[in-house]
PDB file of N, CA and C in Angstrom:
ATOM      1  N   MET A   1       2.399  -9.530  90.330  1.00  0.00           N
ATOM      2  CA  MET A   1       2.272  -8.685  89.152  1.00  0.00           C
ATOM      3  C   MET A   1       3.563  -7.913  88.928  1.00  0.00           C
ATOM      4  N   ALA A   2       4.087  -7.977  87.736  1.00  0.00           N
ATOM      5  CA  ALA A   2       5.244  -7.175  87.355  1.00  0.00           C
ATOM      6  C   ALA A   2       4.737  -5.967  86.594  1.00  0.00           C
ATOM      7  N   ASP A   3       5.323  -4.822  86.861  1.00  0.00           N
ATOM      8  CA  ASP A   3       4.881  -3.617  86.167  1.00  0.00           C
ATOM      9  C   ASP A   3       5.262  -3.662  84.701  1.00  0.00           C
ATOM     10  N   GLY A   4       4.292  -3.419  83.848  1.00  0.00           N
ATOM     11  CA  GLY A   4       4.542  -3.331  82.421  1.00  0.00           C
ATOM     12  C   GLY A   4       4.822  -1.892  82.035  1.00  0.00           C
ATOM     13  N   PRO A   5       5.291  -1.679  80.820  1.00  0.00           N
ATOM     14  CA  PRO A   5       5.667  -0.343  80.380  1.00  0.00           C
ATOM     15  C   PRO A   5       4.504   0.647  80.296  1.00  0.00           C
ATOM     16  N   LEU A   6       3.270   0.179  80.199  1.00  0.00           N
ATOM     17  CA  LEU A   6       2.127   1.085  80.115  1.00  0.00           C
ATOM     18  C   LEU A   6       1.224   1.013  81.340  1.00  0.00           C
ATOM     19  N   THR A   7       1.675   0.347  82.383  1.00  0.00           N
ATOM     20  CA  THR A   7       0.848   0.153  83.571  1.00  0.00           C
ATOM     21  C   THR A   7       0.370   1.469  84.165  1.00  0.00           C
ATOM     22  N   GLU A   8       1.270   2.388  84.369  1.00  0.00           N
ATOM     23  CA  GLU A   8       0.904   3.671  84.983  1.00  0.00           C
ATOM     24  C   GLU A   8      -0.147   4.395  84.141  1.00  0.00           C
ATOM     25  N   ARG A   9       0.060   4.405  82.843  1.00  0.00           N
ATOM     26  CA  ARG A   9      -0.871   5.076  81.928  1.00  0.00           C
ATOM     27  C   ARG A   9      -2.254   4.410  81.964  1.00  0.00           C
ATOM     28  N   LEU A  10      -2.280   3.096  81.999  1.00  0.00           N
ATOM     29  CA  LEU A  10      -3.548   2.370  82.065  1.00  0.00           C
ATOM     30  C   LEU A  10      -4.273   2.651  83.375  1.00  0.00           C
ATOM     31  N   ILE A  11      -3.549   2.681  84.466  1.00  0.00           N
ATOM     32  CA  ILE A  11      -4.155   2.940  85.772  1.00  0.00           C
ATOM     33  C   ILE A  11      -4.706   4.360  85.836  1.00  0.00           C
ATOM     34  N   GLU A  12      -3.949   5.315  85.321  1.00  0.00           N
ATOM     35  CA  GLU A  12      -4.383   6.715  85.358  1.00  0.00           C
ATOM     36  C   GLU A  12      -5.710   6.916  84.618  1.00  0.00           C
ATOM     37  N   GLY A  13      -5.895   6.234  83.492  1.00  0.00           N
ATOM     38  CA  GLY A  13      -7.103   6.432  82.711  1.00  0.00           C
ATOM     39  C   GLY A  13      -8.191   5.410  82.962  1.00  0.00           C
ATOM     40  N   PHE A  14      -7.970   4.501  83.912  1.00  0.00           N
ATOM     41  CA  PHE A  14      -8.851   3.363  84.119  1.00  0.00           C
ATOM     42  C   PHE A  14     -10.304   3.758  84.396  1.00  0.00           C
ATOM     43  N   ASP A  15     -10.521   4.695  85.309  1.00  0.00           N
ATOM     44  CA  ASP A  15     -11.887   5.052  85.710  1.00  0.00           C
ATOM     45  C   ASP A  15     -12.708   5.663  84.579  1.00  0.00           C
ATOM     46  N   ALA A  16     -12.047   6.269  83.616  1.00  0.00           N
ATOM     47  CA  ALA A  16     -12.752   6.903  82.499  1.00  0.00           C
ATOM     48  C   ALA A  16     -13.012   5.924  81.350  1.00  0.00           C
ATOM     49  N   MET A  17     -12.504   4.704  81.454  1.00  0.00           N
ATOM     50  CA  MET A  17     -12.648   3.716  80.375  1.00  0.00           C
ATOM     51  C   MET A  17     -14.006   3.020  80.431  1.00  0.00           C
ATOM     52  N   SER A  18     -14.425   2.524  79.275  1.00  0.00           N
ATOM     53  CA  SER A  18     -15.623   1.685  79.223  1.00  0.00           C
ATOM     54  C   SER A  18     -15.344   0.384  79.972  1.00  0.00           C
ATOM     55  N   LYS A  19     -16.400  -0.338  80.303  1.00  0.00           N
ATOM     56  CA  LYS A  19     -16.236  -1.613  81.022  1.00  0.00           C
ATOM     57  C   LYS A  19     -15.365  -2.591  80.224  1.00  0.00           C
ATOM     58  N   GLN A  20     -15.549  -2.641  78.900  1.00  0.00           N
ATOM     59  CA  GLN A  20     -14.757  -3.548  78.074  1.00  0.00           C
ATOM     60  C   GLN A  20     -13.286  -3.134  78.074  1.00  0.00           C
ATOM     61  N   PHE A  21     -13.019  -1.843  77.960  1.00  0.00           N
ATOM     62  CA  PHE A  21     -11.641  -1.362  78.032  1.00  0.00           C
ATOM     63  C   PHE A  21     -11.045  -1.693  79.397  1.00  0.00           C
ATOM     64  N   GLN A  22     -11.838  -1.557  80.464  1.00  0.00           N
ATOM     65  CA  GLN A  22     -11.341  -1.865  81.798  1.00  0.00           C
ATOM     66  C   GLN A  22     -10.936  -3.336  81.921  1.00  0.00           C
ATOM     67  N   LEU A  23     -11.741  -4.234  81.343  1.00  0.00           N
ATOM     68  CA  LEU A  23     -11.384  -5.652  81.371  1.00  0.00           C
ATOM     69  C   LEU A  23     -10.064  -5.900  80.643  1.00  0.00           C
ATOM     70  N   ALA A  24      -9.915  -5.293  79.472  1.00  0.00           N
ATOM     71  CA  ALA A  24      -8.687  -5.451  78.693  1.00  0.00           C
ATOM     72  C   ALA A  24      -7.498  -4.820  79.418  1.00  0.00           C
ATOM     73  N   ALA A  25      -7.702  -3.634  79.966  1.00  0.00           N
ATOM     74  CA  ALA A  25      -6.627  -2.942  80.679  1.00  0.00           C
ATOM     75  C   ALA A  25      -6.193  -3.733  81.905  1.00  0.00           C
ATOM     76  N   ARG A  26      -7.164  -4.274  82.649  1.00  0.00           N
ATOM     77  CA  ARG A  26      -6.834  -5.056  83.837  1.00  0.00           C
ATOM     78  C   ARG A  26      -5.980  -6.272  83.460  1.00  0.00           C
ATOM     79  N   TYR A  27      -6.324  -6.903  82.346  1.00  0.00           N
ATOM     80  CA  TYR A  27      -5.533  -8.045  81.880  1.00  0.00           C
ATOM     81  C   TYR A  27      -4.097  -7.605  81.569  1.00  0.00           C
ATOM     82  N   ILE A  28      -3.952  -6.509  80.848  1.00  0.00           N
ATOM     83  CA  ILE A  28      -2.616  -6.014  80.477  1.00  0.00           C
ATOM     84  C   ILE A  28      -1.817  -5.645  81.733  1.00  0.00           C
ATOM     85  N   ILE A  29      -2.473  -5.032  82.689  1.00  0.00           N
ATOM     86  CA  ILE A  29      -1.796  -4.650  83.932  1.00  0.00           C
ATOM     87  C   ILE A  29      -1.372  -5.887  84.719  1.00  0.00           C
ATOM     88  N   ASP A  30      -2.271  -6.857  84.816  1.00  0.00           N
ATOM     89  CA  ASP A  30      -2.016  -8.041  85.639  1.00  0.00           C
ATOM     90  C   ASP A  30      -1.115  -9.082  84.981  1.00  0.00           C
ATOM     91  N   GLN A  31      -1.078  -9.121  83.656  1.00  0.00           N
ATOM     92  CA  GLN A  31      -0.333 -10.165  82.927  1.00  0.00           C
ATOM     93  C   GLN A  31       0.598  -9.557  81.867  1.00  0.00           C
ATOM     94  N   PRO A  32       1.505  -8.679  82.251  1.00  0.00           N
ATOM     95  CA  PRO A  32       2.319  -7.993  81.241  1.00  0.00           C
ATOM     96  C   PRO A  32       3.172  -8.934  80.389  1.00  0.00           C
ATOM     97  N   HIS A  33       3.652 -10.029  80.967  1.00  0.00           N
ATOM     98  CA  HIS A  33       4.466 -10.955  80.172  1.00  0.00           C
ATOM     99  C   HIS A  33       3.620 -11.655  79.111  1.00  0.00           C
ATOM    100  N   ASP A  34       2.336 -11.900  79.402  1.00  0.00           N
ATOM    101  CA  ASP A  34       1.462 -12.525  78.413  1.00  0.00           C
ATOM    102  C   ASP A  34       1.241 -11.623  77.204  1.00  0.00           C
ATOM    103  N   VAL A  35       1.250 -10.322  77.433  1.00  0.00           N
ATOM    104  CA  VAL A  35       1.059  -9.375  76.328  1.00  0.00           C
ATOM    105  C   VAL A  35       2.158  -9.568  75.290  1.00  0.00           C
ATOM    106  N   ALA A  36       3.348  -9.832  75.748  1.00  0.00           N
ATOM    107  CA  ALA A  36       4.478 -10.024  74.842  1.00  0.00           C
ATOM    108  C   ALA A  36       4.480 -11.400  74.184  1.00  0.00           C
ATOM    109  N   LEU A  37       3.885 -12.383  74.846  1.00  0.00           N
ATOM    110  CA  LEU A  37       4.060 -13.765  74.406  1.00  0.00           C
ATOM    111  C   LEU A  37       2.846 -14.408  73.745  1.00  0.00           C
ATOM    112  N   LEU A  38       1.646 -14.032  74.130  1.00  0.00           N
ATOM    113  CA  LEU A  38       0.441 -14.659  73.599  1.00  0.00           C
ATOM    114  C   LEU A  38      -0.133 -13.868  72.428  1.00  0.00           C
ATOM    115  N   SER A  39      -0.903 -14.534  71.603  1.00  0.00           N
ATOM    116  CA  SER A  39      -1.562 -13.829  70.501  1.00  0.00           C
ATOM    117  C   SER A  39      -2.632 -12.905  71.073  1.00  0.00           C
ATOM    118  N   MET A  40      -2.990 -11.888  70.299  1.00  0.00           N
ATOM    119  CA  MET A  40      -4.019 -10.959  70.728  1.00  0.00           C
ATOM    120  C   MET A  40      -5.333 -11.688  70.962  1.00  0.00           C
ATOM    121  N   ARG A  41      -5.654 -12.646  70.110  1.00  0.00           N
ATOM    122  CA  ARG A  41      -6.907 -13.395  70.258  1.00  0.00           C
ATOM    123  C   ARG A  41      -6.923 -14.201  71.551  1.00  0.00           C
ATOM    124  N   ASP A  42      -5.803 -14.815  71.884  1.00  0.00           N
ATOM    125  CA  ASP A  42      -5.721 -15.553  73.146  1.00  0.00           C
ATOM    126  C   ASP A  42      -5.858 -14.616  74.340  1.00  0.00           C
ATOM    127  N   GLN A  43      -5.214 -13.473  74.253  1.00  0.00           N
ATOM    128  CA  GLN A  43      -5.303 -12.500  75.335  1.00  0.00           C
ATOM    129  C   GLN A  43      -6.734 -12.009  75.506  1.00  0.00           C
ATOM    130  N   ALA A  44      -7.397 -11.704  74.404  1.00  0.00           N
ATOM    131  CA  ALA A  44      -8.778 -11.232  74.450  1.00  0.00           C
ATOM    132  C   ALA A  44      -9.680 -12.288  75.083  1.00  0.00           C
ATOM    133  N   ARG A  45      -9.481 -13.532  74.694  1.00  0.00           N
ATOM    134  CA  ARG A  45     -10.292 -14.619  75.247  1.00  0.00           C
ATOM    135  C   ARG A  45     -10.126 -14.702  76.762  1.00  0.00           C
ATOM    136  N   VAL A  46      -8.885 -14.663  77.219  1.00  0.00           N
ATOM    137  CA  VAL A  46      -8.615 -14.740  78.661  1.00  0.00           C
ATOM    138  C   VAL A  46      -9.161 -13.508  79.390  1.00  0.00           C
ATOM    139  N   ALA A  47      -9.060 -12.345  78.749  1.00  0.00           N
ATOM    140  CA  ALA A  47      -9.553 -11.102  79.354  1.00  0.00           C
ATOM    141  C   ALA A  47     -11.076 -11.022  79.340  1.00  0.00           C
ATOM    142  N   GLY A  48     -11.724 -11.811  78.482  1.00  0.00           N
ATOM    143  CA  GLY A  48     -13.178 -11.791  78.401  1.00  0.00           C
ATOM    144  C   GLY A  48     -13.731 -10.697  77.515  1.00  0.00           C
ATOM    145  N   VAL A  49     -12.931 -10.308  76.506  1.00  0.00           N
ATOM    146  CA  VAL A  49     -13.365  -9.269  75.570  1.00  0.00           C
ATOM    147  C   VAL A  49     -13.171  -9.756  74.138  1.00  0.00           C
ATOM    148  N   GLN A  50     -13.729  -9.016  73.193  1.00  0.00           N
ATOM    149  CA  GLN A  50     -13.522  -9.299  71.786  1.00  0.00           C
ATOM    150  C   GLN A  50     -12.117  -8.831  71.376  1.00  0.00           C
ATOM    151  N   PRO A  51     -11.487  -9.494  70.414  1.00  0.00           N
ATOM    152  CA  PRO A  51     -10.165  -9.059  69.955  1.00  0.00           C
ATOM    153  C   PRO A  51     -10.130  -7.590  69.515  1.00  0.00           C
ATOM    154  N   ALA A  52     -11.206  -7.127  68.914  1.00  0.00           N
ATOM    155  CA  ALA A  52     -11.241  -5.719  68.477  1.00  0.00           C
ATOM    156  C   ALA A  52     -11.106  -4.757  69.651  1.00  0.00           C
ATOM    157  N   THR A  53     -11.553  -5.174  70.827  1.00  0.00           N
ATOM    158  CA  THR A  53     -11.425  -4.327  72.016  1.00  0.00           C
ATOM    159  C   THR A  53      -9.960  -4.094  72.356  1.00  0.00           C
ATOM    160  N   MET A  54      -9.146  -5.112  72.188  1.00  0.00           N
ATOM    161  CA  MET A  54      -7.717  -4.971  72.463  1.00  0.00           C
ATOM    162  C   MET A  54      -7.097  -3.939  71.512  1.00  0.00           C
ATOM    163  N   THR A  55      -7.490  -4.008  70.239  1.00  0.00           N
ATOM    164  CA  THR A  55      -6.981  -3.051  69.258  1.00  0.00           C
ATOM    165  C   THR A  55      -7.475  -1.645  69.566  1.00  0.00           C
ATOM    166  N   ARG A  56      -8.744  -1.523  69.888  1.00  0.00           N
ATOM    167  CA  ARG A  56      -9.297  -0.194  70.197  1.00  0.00           C
ATOM    168  C   ARG A  56      -8.643   0.399  71.438  1.00  0.00           C
ATOM    169  N   LEU A  57      -8.337  -0.441  72.438  1.00  0.00           N
ATOM    170  CA  LEU A  57      -7.662   0.061  73.633  1.00  0.00           C
ATOM    171  C   LEU A  57      -6.274   0.580  73.277  1.00  0.00           C
ATOM    172  N   ALA A  58      -5.553  -0.147  72.451  1.00  0.00           N
ATOM    173  CA  ALA A  58      -4.219   0.311  72.031  1.00  0.00           C
ATOM    174  C   ALA A  58      -4.316   1.665  71.334  1.00  0.00           C
ATOM    175  N   LYS A  59      -5.292   1.812  70.458  1.00  0.00           N
ATOM    176  CA  LYS A  59      -5.473   3.091  69.762  1.00  0.00           C
ATOM    177  C   LYS A  59      -5.906   4.182  70.732  1.00  0.00           C
ATOM    178  N   HIS A  60      -6.709   3.823  71.718  1.00  0.00           N
ATOM    179  CA  HIS A  60      -7.123   4.764  72.762  1.00  0.00           C
ATOM    180  C   HIS A  60      -5.898   5.305  73.511  1.00  0.00           C
ATOM    181  N   LEU A  61      -4.877   4.472  73.620  1.00  0.00           N
ATOM    182  CA  LEU A  61      -3.637   4.871  74.295  1.00  0.00           C
ATOM    183  C   LEU A  61      -2.703   5.661  73.391  1.00  0.00           C
ATOM    184  N   GLY A  62      -3.127   5.890  72.140  1.00  0.00           N
ATOM    185  CA  GLY A  62      -2.319   6.678  71.213  1.00  0.00           C
ATOM    186  C   GLY A  62      -1.373   5.856  70.361  1.00  0.00           C
ATOM    187  N   LEU A  63      -1.515   4.550  70.388  1.00  0.00           N
ATOM    188  CA  LEU A  63      -0.661   3.674  69.588  1.00  0.00           C
ATOM    189  C   LEU A  63      -1.326   3.413  68.241  1.00  0.00           C
ATOM    190  N   THR A  64      -0.562   2.906  67.302  1.00  0.00           N
ATOM    191  CA  THR A  64      -1.111   2.638  65.973  1.00  0.00           C
ATOM    192  C   THR A  64      -2.011   1.408  65.962  1.00  0.00           C
ATOM    193  N   GLY A  65      -1.827   0.521  66.914  1.00  0.00           N
ATOM    194  CA  GLY A  65      -2.639  -0.686  67.008  1.00  0.00           C
ATOM    195  C   GLY A  65      -2.057  -1.614  68.042  1.00  0.00           C
ATOM    196  N   TYR A  66      -2.640  -2.800  68.139  1.00  0.00           N
ATOM    197  CA  TYR A  66      -2.202  -3.735  69.167  1.00  0.00           C
ATOM    198  C   TYR A  66      -0.801  -4.271  68.905  1.00  0.00           C
ATOM    199  N   ASP A  67      -0.405  -4.359  67.645  1.00  0.00           N
ATOM    200  CA  ASP A  67       0.951  -4.825  67.344  1.00  0.00           C
ATOM    201  C   ASP A  67       2.002  -3.920  67.985  1.00  0.00           C
ATOM    202  N   GLU A  68       1.747  -2.615  67.979  1.00  0.00           N
ATOM    203  CA  GLU A  68       2.694  -1.690  68.609  1.00  0.00           C
ATOM    204  C   GLU A  68       2.719  -1.899  70.126  1.00  0.00           C
ATOM    205  N   LEU A  69       1.560  -2.091  70.733  1.00  0.00           N
ATOM    206  CA  LEU A  69       1.496  -2.342  72.169  1.00  0.00           C
ATOM    207  C   LEU A  69       2.260  -3.613  72.508  1.00  0.00           C
ATOM    208  N   ARG A  70       2.018  -4.647  71.738  1.00  0.00           N
ATOM    209  CA  ARG A  70       2.696  -5.929  71.967  1.00  0.00           C
ATOM    210  C   ARG A  70       4.209  -5.789  71.802  1.00  0.00           C
ATOM    211  N   GLN A  71       4.639  -5.010  70.824  1.00  0.00           N
ATOM    212  CA  GLN A  71       6.068  -4.778  70.598  1.00  0.00           C
ATOM    213  C   GLN A  71       6.709  -4.079  71.805  1.00  0.00           C
ATOM    214  N   ILE A  72       6.002  -3.118  72.367  1.00  0.00           N
ATOM    215  CA  ILE A  72       6.503  -2.410  73.552  1.00  0.00           C
ATOM    216  C   ILE A  72       6.723  -3.393  74.695  1.00  0.00           C
ATOM    217  N   TYR A  73       5.774  -4.294  74.885  1.00  0.00           N
ATOM    218  CA  TYR A  73       5.895  -5.280  75.960  1.00  0.00           C
ATOM    219  C   TYR A  73       6.964  -6.325  75.643  1.00  0.00           C
ATOM    220  N   ALA A  74       7.082  -6.714  74.387  1.00  0.00           N
ATOM    221  CA  ALA A  74       8.120  -7.678  74.002  1.00  0.00           C
ATOM    222  C   ALA A  74       9.512  -7.100  74.271  1.00  0.00           C
ATOM    223  N   GLU A  75       9.704  -5.827  73.954  1.00  0.00           N
ATOM    224  CA  GLU A  75      10.993  -5.180  74.215  1.00  0.00           C
ATOM    225  C   GLU A  75      11.266  -5.113  75.713  1.00  0.00           C
ATOM    226  N   ALA A  76      10.223  -4.864  76.503  1.00  0.00           N
ATOM    227  CA  ALA A  76      10.388  -4.809  77.959  1.00  0.00           C
ATOM    228  C   ALA A  76      10.783  -6.178  78.514  1.00  0.00           C
ATOM    229  N   VAL A  77      10.193  -7.241  77.989  1.00  0.00           N
ATOM    230  CA  VAL A  77      10.555  -8.590  78.432  1.00  0.00           C
ATOM    231  C   VAL A  77      11.997  -8.888  78.053  1.00  0.00           C
ATOM    232  N   ARG A  78      12.377  -8.563  76.811  1.00  0.00           N
ATOM    233  CA  ARG A  78      13.754  -8.814  76.365  1.00  0.00           C
ATOM    234  C   ARG A  78      14.776  -8.053  77.200  1.00  0.00           C
ATOM    235  N   SER A  79      14.427  -6.834  77.598  1.00  0.00           N
ATOM    236  CA  SER A  79      15.379  -6.023  78.356  1.00  0.00           C
ATOM    237  C   SER A  79      15.380  -6.352  79.848  1.00  0.00           C
ATOM    238  N   GLY A  80      14.437  -7.198  80.259  1.00  0.00           N
ATOM    239  CA  GLY A  80      14.362  -7.575  81.666  1.00  0.00           C
ATOM    240  C   GLY A  80      13.481  -6.669  82.507  1.00  0.00           C
ATOM    241  N   ASP A  81      12.823  -5.683  81.880  1.00  0.00           N
ATOM    242  CA  ASP A  81      11.957  -4.776  82.630  1.00  0.00           C
ATOM    243  C   ASP A  81      10.662  -5.463  83.082  1.00  0.00           C
ATOM    244  N   VAL A  82      10.245  -6.473  82.353  1.00  0.00           N
ATOM    245  CA  VAL A  82       9.072  -7.272  82.727  1.00  0.00           C
ATOM    246  C   VAL A  82       9.553  -8.710  82.794  1.00  0.00           C
ATOM    247  N   GLY A  83       9.491  -9.269  83.976  1.00  0.00           N
ATOM    248  CA  GLY A  83       9.976 -10.631  84.142  1.00  0.00           C
ATOM    249  C   GLY A  83       8.864 -11.591  84.468  1.00  0.00           C
ATOM    250  N   PHE A  84       9.248 -12.795  84.778  1.00  0.00           N
ATOM    251  CA  PHE A  84       8.284 -13.836  85.084  1.00  0.00           C
ATOM    252  C   PHE A  84       8.144 -14.052  86.588  1.00  0.00           C
ATOM    253  N   ALA A  85       8.973 -13.400  87.372  1.00  0.00           N
ATOM    254  CA  ALA A  85       8.923 -13.599  88.828  1.00  0.00           C
ATOM    255  C   ALA A  85       7.596 -13.140  89.413  1.00  0.00           C
ATOM    256  N   GLY A  86       6.989 -12.107  88.838  1.00  0.00           N
ATOM    257  CA  GLY A  86       5.723 -11.592  89.354  1.00  0.00           C
ATOM    258  C   GLY A  86       4.629 -12.576  89.161  1.00  0.00           C
TER     259      GLY A  86
END
């Protein structure tokens, strides 16, 4: 697992999240490079949640939506902060 830009924040709030948010958060924590590369629908399917859950989780984190979350991860991949070695 490579640390993503929101990993710490997701872990800190994990216990207070709903079960669906926890599934989505665990996916984001465990697969940060996929967040940047796969569609939200594909990510939701792999995480075992509805696509709307991914959007609601992003908003729960204070972002405008999942596109902003994905952009944060895409920038991290481009800058080398999230790699494929993990």
